[in-house]
N, C-alpha and C. Protein backbone atom coordinates (compact mmCIF):
# COMPACT_ATOMS: atom_id res chain seq x y z
N MET A 1 92.25 126.74 83.64
CA MET A 1 91.17 125.22 82.76
C MET A 1 89.31 125.68 83.03
N THR A 2 89.74 123.70 82.84
CA THR A 2 88.15 123.86 82.09
C THR A 2 88.30 122.74 82.47
N LYS A 3 86.66 122.56 82.90
CA LYS A 3 86.26 120.83 83.41
C LYS A 3 84.59 120.54 82.74
N GLU A 4 84.64 119.55 82.49
CA GLU A 4 83.32 119.19 81.51
C GLU A 4 82.98 118.50 82.99
N LEU A 5 81.15 118.53 82.50
CA LEU A 5 79.70 118.14 83.51
C LEU A 5 79.29 118.06 82.77
N THR A 6 78.30 116.91 83.54
CA THR A 6 76.62 117.40 83.07
C THR A 6 75.72 117.51 83.50
N CYS A 7 74.47 118.69 83.80
CA CYS A 7 73.71 118.88 85.01
C CYS A 7 73.21 117.78 85.45
N VAL A 8 72.51 118.18 86.29
CA VAL A 8 72.01 116.73 86.69
C VAL A 8 70.64 116.77 87.47
N VAL A 9 69.90 118.83 86.88
CA VAL A 9 69.21 119.37 87.50
C VAL A 9 67.38 119.16 87.48
N CYS A 10 67.60 118.37 86.49
CA CYS A 10 66.73 117.96 84.87
C CYS A 10 67.03 117.17 83.82
N PRO A 11 65.93 116.51 83.55
CA PRO A 11 66.84 115.18 82.84
C PRO A 11 67.09 115.46 80.77
N ALA A 12 67.36 116.87 81.68
CA ALA A 12 67.44 117.18 79.51
C ALA A 12 69.01 117.08 79.75
N GLY A 13 69.87 116.96 80.51
CA GLY A 13 71.94 116.10 81.14
C GLY A 13 72.26 117.15 80.35
N CYS A 14 72.25 118.85 80.49
CA CYS A 14 73.08 119.27 79.92
C CYS A 14 73.94 118.54 79.54
N PRO A 15 74.92 118.86 78.37
CA PRO A 15 76.92 119.41 78.88
C PRO A 15 77.71 120.66 79.47
N MET A 16 77.23 120.50 80.33
CA MET A 16 78.89 122.07 80.60
C MET A 16 80.47 122.17 80.92
N THR A 17 80.34 123.83 80.37
CA THR A 17 82.00 123.59 80.97
C THR A 17 81.99 124.98 81.10
N VAL A 18 83.08 124.29 82.27
CA VAL A 18 83.24 125.76 83.48
C VAL A 18 84.58 125.86 83.59
N THR A 19 84.92 127.25 83.36
CA THR A 19 86.01 127.85 83.07
C THR A 19 86.51 128.50 84.84
N LEU A 20 87.48 127.64 85.10
CA LEU A 20 88.64 128.54 86.50
C LEU A 20 89.73 129.42 85.86
N ASP A 21 89.85 130.34 86.75
CA ASP A 21 90.89 130.09 86.86
C ASP A 21 92.05 129.76 87.75
N GLU A 22 93.03 130.87 87.99
CA GLU A 22 94.61 129.94 88.30
C GLU A 22 94.21 130.28 90.39
N ASN A 23 93.10 130.72 90.66
CA ASN A 23 92.80 131.18 92.77
C ASN A 23 91.95 129.95 92.03
N GLY A 24 91.02 128.98 90.63
CA GLY A 24 90.32 127.43 91.95
C GLY A 24 88.77 128.23 91.02
N ASN A 25 88.15 129.90 91.55
CA ASN A 25 86.86 130.80 90.83
C ASN A 25 86.44 130.26 88.98
N VAL A 26 85.31 130.11 89.16
CA VAL A 26 84.88 130.44 87.98
C VAL A 26 85.03 131.40 87.85
N VAL A 27 85.31 131.28 86.58
CA VAL A 27 84.80 132.38 85.51
C VAL A 27 83.76 132.23 84.11
N SER A 28 83.35 131.64 84.09
CA SER A 28 81.80 131.04 82.65
C SER A 28 81.03 129.38 83.35
N VAL A 29 80.50 129.20 82.81
CA VAL A 29 80.15 128.51 82.92
C VAL A 29 79.25 128.89 80.67
N THR A 30 79.71 127.42 80.86
CA THR A 30 78.70 127.23 79.43
C THR A 30 78.67 125.73 78.98
N GLY A 31 76.99 125.89 78.17
CA GLY A 31 76.55 124.38 78.11
C GLY A 31 74.82 124.54 78.40
N ASN A 32 74.66 125.15 79.70
CA ASN A 32 73.46 124.92 79.88
C ASN A 32 73.02 126.06 79.77
N THR A 33 71.61 125.13 79.56
CA THR A 33 69.91 126.27 79.18
C THR A 33 69.28 126.55 80.12
N CYS A 34 69.50 126.85 81.11
CA CYS A 34 68.15 126.84 82.45
C CYS A 34 69.29 127.63 82.91
N ALA A 35 68.80 128.95 84.12
CA ALA A 35 70.17 129.66 85.57
C ALA A 35 70.49 128.68 86.68
N ARG A 36 69.41 127.81 86.62
CA ARG A 36 69.56 126.51 87.02
C ARG A 36 71.10 125.34 87.54
N GLY A 37 71.04 125.48 85.89
CA GLY A 37 71.70 124.38 85.30
C GLY A 37 73.48 125.27 86.16
N LYS A 38 73.47 126.30 85.84
CA LYS A 38 74.48 127.63 86.15
C LYS A 38 74.94 127.28 87.37
N LYS A 39 74.03 127.68 88.79
CA LYS A 39 73.87 127.45 89.65
C LYS A 39 73.80 126.67 89.83
N TYR A 40 74.22 124.96 89.44
CA TYR A 40 74.47 123.72 90.25
C TYR A 40 75.95 123.31 90.19
N ALA A 41 76.89 124.00 88.19
CA ALA A 41 78.10 123.31 87.59
C ALA A 41 78.98 124.13 88.73
N GLU A 42 78.17 125.76 89.18
CA GLU A 42 78.86 126.60 90.30
C GLU A 42 79.50 125.63 90.98
N SER A 43 78.66 125.10 91.39
CA SER A 43 78.42 124.63 93.08
C SER A 43 79.10 123.00 93.03
N GLU A 44 79.11 122.75 92.00
CA GLU A 44 79.61 121.20 91.64
C GLU A 44 81.33 121.24 91.76
N ILE A 45 81.22 122.03 91.61
CA ILE A 45 82.80 122.89 90.32
C ILE A 45 83.08 123.18 92.30
N THR A 46 82.52 124.27 93.11
CA THR A 46 83.38 125.17 94.01
C THR A 46 83.52 124.27 95.92
N HIS A 47 82.32 123.95 96.00
CA HIS A 47 81.89 122.35 96.88
C HIS A 47 80.36 121.95 96.64
N PRO A 48 80.54 120.94 96.32
CA PRO A 48 80.06 119.67 95.61
C PRO A 48 79.34 119.10 97.69
N VAL A 49 78.10 119.14 96.62
CA VAL A 49 77.30 118.44 98.42
C VAL A 49 75.97 117.39 97.91
N ARG A 50 75.99 116.93 98.61
CA ARG A 50 75.11 115.26 98.60
C ARG A 50 74.42 115.44 98.93
N THR A 51 72.53 114.70 98.72
CA THR A 51 72.18 114.17 100.07
C THR A 51 71.63 112.83 100.15
N LEU A 52 72.37 112.87 101.37
CA LEU A 52 72.44 111.27 102.01
C LEU A 52 71.79 110.95 102.46
N THR A 53 71.48 109.22 101.79
CA THR A 53 70.31 108.43 102.13
C THR A 53 70.31 107.51 102.66
N SER A 54 70.61 106.86 103.90
CA SER A 54 70.34 104.82 104.20
C SER A 54 69.63 104.94 105.09
N THR A 55 69.97 103.59 105.82
CA THR A 55 68.74 103.58 107.60
C THR A 55 69.86 102.70 108.77
N VAL A 56 68.96 103.28 109.69
CA VAL A 56 69.30 102.67 111.13
C VAL A 56 69.19 101.77 111.65
N THR A 57 69.45 101.26 112.27
CA THR A 57 69.65 99.66 113.38
C THR A 57 67.95 100.63 114.40
N VAL A 58 66.40 99.88 114.15
CA VAL A 58 65.62 99.87 115.09
C VAL A 58 65.64 99.43 115.76
N MET A 59 65.11 98.64 117.55
CA MET A 59 64.34 97.70 118.29
C MET A 59 63.84 98.32 118.20
N VAL A 60 61.96 96.74 118.07
CA VAL A 60 61.50 97.13 117.84
C VAL A 60 61.12 95.86 118.60
N ASN A 61 60.21 95.58 120.32
CA ASN A 61 60.29 94.74 120.65
C ASN A 61 61.94 93.73 120.73
N GLY A 62 62.70 94.11 120.99
CA GLY A 62 63.21 93.60 120.96
C GLY A 62 63.82 92.57 119.81
N VAL A 63 63.63 93.47 118.31
CA VAL A 63 63.67 92.38 116.71
C VAL A 63 64.33 94.05 116.01
N LYS A 64 65.73 93.46 115.78
CA LYS A 64 66.03 94.68 114.53
C LYS A 64 65.42 95.11 113.67
N GLN A 65 64.82 96.41 113.95
CA GLN A 65 65.03 96.29 111.84
C GLN A 65 65.14 97.65 111.20
N MET A 66 65.21 98.15 109.96
CA MET A 66 66.39 98.86 109.82
C MET A 66 64.80 99.61 109.13
N CYS A 67 65.63 101.12 109.91
CA CYS A 67 64.97 102.08 109.41
C CYS A 67 65.44 103.57 108.82
N PRO A 68 64.89 103.61 106.98
CA PRO A 68 65.39 105.14 106.34
C PRO A 68 65.60 105.88 106.81
N VAL A 69 66.67 106.69 106.67
CA VAL A 69 67.30 108.37 106.63
C VAL A 69 67.53 108.97 105.81
N ARG A 70 67.58 109.99 106.89
CA ARG A 70 68.34 111.17 105.04
C ARG A 70 68.86 112.00 106.38
N VAL A 71 69.76 112.64 105.65
CA VAL A 71 70.15 114.04 106.15
C VAL A 71 68.68 115.16 105.95
N ASP A 72 68.23 115.69 106.06
CA ASP A 72 67.51 117.54 106.18
C ASP A 72 68.54 118.35 105.23
N LYS A 73 69.91 118.74 104.97
CA LYS A 73 69.54 119.32 103.59
C LYS A 73 70.92 118.62 103.40
N PRO A 74 71.75 118.75 102.33
CA PRO A 74 72.92 118.65 101.77
C PRO A 74 73.98 118.56 102.68
N ILE A 75 74.99 117.71 101.93
CA ILE A 75 75.79 117.69 103.58
C ILE A 75 77.13 116.95 102.20
N PRO A 76 78.31 118.49 102.73
CA PRO A 76 79.86 117.89 101.99
C PRO A 76 80.44 116.51 101.55
N LYS A 77 80.22 116.73 100.08
CA LYS A 77 80.70 115.50 99.13
C LYS A 77 81.50 114.54 100.16
N GLU A 78 82.87 115.31 101.13
CA GLU A 78 83.78 115.26 101.51
C GLU A 78 83.64 114.63 102.91
N THR A 79 82.10 114.46 103.20
CA THR A 79 81.87 113.71 104.44
C THR A 79 80.91 112.65 104.74
N MET A 80 81.25 112.43 102.95
CA MET A 80 80.51 111.04 103.52
C MET A 80 80.27 109.45 104.34
N PHE A 81 82.01 109.06 103.33
CA PHE A 81 82.07 108.03 104.14
C PHE A 81 81.94 108.31 105.29
N ASP A 82 82.66 110.14 106.54
CA ASP A 82 82.33 110.06 108.54
C ASP A 82 80.40 110.11 108.31
N ALA A 83 79.91 109.98 107.90
CA ALA A 83 78.46 111.03 107.31
C ALA A 83 78.51 108.59 107.70
N MET A 84 78.48 108.20 107.27
CA MET A 84 78.01 106.34 107.06
C MET A 84 78.74 105.95 108.70
N LYS A 85 80.05 106.14 108.54
CA LYS A 85 80.83 105.79 109.71
C LYS A 85 79.68 105.37 111.64
N ILE A 86 79.49 106.79 111.08
CA ILE A 86 78.52 107.56 112.39
C ILE A 86 76.77 106.56 112.22
N ILE A 87 76.93 106.67 111.57
CA ILE A 87 75.38 105.79 110.74
C ILE A 87 75.32 104.40 111.16
N ARG A 88 76.54 103.82 111.09
CA ARG A 88 76.62 102.04 111.18
C ARG A 88 76.70 101.73 112.62
N GLY A 89 76.78 102.85 113.96
CA GLY A 89 77.10 102.57 115.02
C GLY A 89 75.07 103.71 115.76
N ILE A 90 74.94 104.27 114.37
CA ILE A 90 73.77 104.70 115.45
C ILE A 90 72.25 103.23 115.76
N LYS A 91 72.22 103.01 116.57
CA LYS A 91 70.51 101.90 117.21
C LYS A 91 69.36 103.24 117.86
N VAL A 92 68.30 102.70 117.25
CA VAL A 92 67.24 103.47 118.52
C VAL A 92 66.18 102.61 118.54
N ASP A 93 65.82 102.80 119.76
CA ASP A 93 64.25 102.29 119.83
C ASP A 93 63.04 102.27 119.95
N ALA A 94 62.70 101.95 120.09
CA ALA A 94 60.60 102.15 118.79
C ALA A 94 60.75 102.80 119.86
N PRO A 95 59.29 103.90 119.81
CA PRO A 95 58.80 104.01 118.65
C PRO A 95 59.41 105.22 118.12
N VAL A 96 59.55 105.53 116.62
CA VAL A 96 59.74 106.04 115.82
C VAL A 96 58.87 106.95 114.44
N LYS A 97 59.04 107.24 114.74
CA LYS A 97 57.79 108.64 113.45
C LYS A 97 58.74 109.01 112.68
N THR A 98 57.97 109.31 111.24
CA THR A 98 58.47 110.40 110.48
C THR A 98 58.91 111.32 110.06
N GLY A 99 59.90 111.79 110.46
CA GLY A 99 60.29 113.09 110.62
C GLY A 99 61.03 113.15 111.62
N ASP A 100 60.76 112.11 112.83
CA ASP A 100 61.94 112.35 113.97
C ASP A 100 63.51 112.00 113.16
N ILE A 101 63.79 112.97 114.56
CA ILE A 101 64.99 113.84 114.69
C ILE A 101 66.13 112.08 115.44
N ILE A 102 67.11 111.40 114.48
CA ILE A 102 67.47 111.00 114.52
C ILE A 102 69.00 111.02 115.13
N CYS A 103 69.53 111.69 114.75
CA CYS A 103 70.93 113.34 115.15
C CYS A 103 70.42 114.28 114.87
N ALA A 104 70.61 114.60 116.13
CA ALA A 104 71.13 116.50 115.63
C ALA A 104 72.21 116.38 115.00
N ASP A 105 72.28 118.27 114.98
CA ASP A 105 74.11 118.14 114.29
C ASP A 105 74.99 116.96 113.96
N PHE A 106 74.12 116.90 112.67
CA PHE A 106 75.28 114.76 112.16
C PHE A 106 75.92 116.13 111.04
N ILE A 107 77.45 115.77 111.19
CA ILE A 107 78.18 116.48 110.01
C ILE A 107 78.36 117.68 110.30
N GLU A 108 77.14 118.27 110.36
CA GLU A 108 77.70 119.11 110.39
C GLU A 108 76.89 120.13 111.89
N GLU A 109 76.45 121.78 112.38
CA GLU A 109 76.34 122.13 112.89
C GLU A 109 74.11 123.17 112.27
N GLY A 110 73.29 122.90 113.02
CA GLY A 110 72.28 122.88 111.83
C GLY A 110 71.82 121.50 111.24
N THR A 111 72.68 120.53 110.75
CA THR A 111 71.94 119.92 109.70
C THR A 111 71.33 117.91 111.28
N SER A 112 70.09 117.87 110.04
CA SER A 112 70.23 116.70 110.97
C SER A 112 69.53 115.22 110.40
N LEU A 113 69.26 114.22 110.80
CA LEU A 113 69.49 112.72 110.37
C LEU A 113 67.90 112.90 110.76
N ILE A 114 67.20 112.54 109.40
CA ILE A 114 65.11 112.17 110.00
C ILE A 114 65.29 110.77 109.69
N ALA A 115 63.94 109.79 110.67
CA ALA A 115 63.86 108.95 109.81
C ALA A 115 63.08 109.78 108.56
N CYS A 116 62.69 109.02 107.66
CA CYS A 116 61.60 108.24 107.02
C CYS A 116 60.40 107.37 107.04
N LYS A 117 60.42 106.35 108.47
CA LYS A 117 59.22 105.31 108.09
C LYS A 117 58.49 105.56 110.15
N ASP A 118 57.78 105.51 110.15
CA ASP A 118 57.07 104.70 111.18
C ASP A 118 57.01 103.82 111.56
N PHE A 119 57.90 103.22 112.96
CA PHE A 119 57.73 101.91 113.72
C PHE A 119 57.29 102.19 114.78
N GLU A 120 56.02 100.66 115.24
CA GLU A 120 55.20 101.76 116.66
C GLU A 120 56.80 100.87 117.90
């Protein structure tokens, strides 16, 4: 079986073909012009991950504001909807500093949801 995809590692956007065996294991990757493209294709086919960014509610002097947040490492693509359900329920009180952990062990053990803006 083969799958076609476009590499997103750099602006070149190499069109790649990934060949899989009957067990779904990658046999070959063609079309990539660098090793990073091959690594991306293998990962995207076998275990796709994404970096999630969103916002959470921060209470600042009794006023709701939205704080941008992101995961500190990519999470499995199939967990994105569950992650957003969790994020919608998060509310924190100021002060919040950039880099503060808003939620430890977010979706997976060892992955944190962190703040991307300061709120006094």
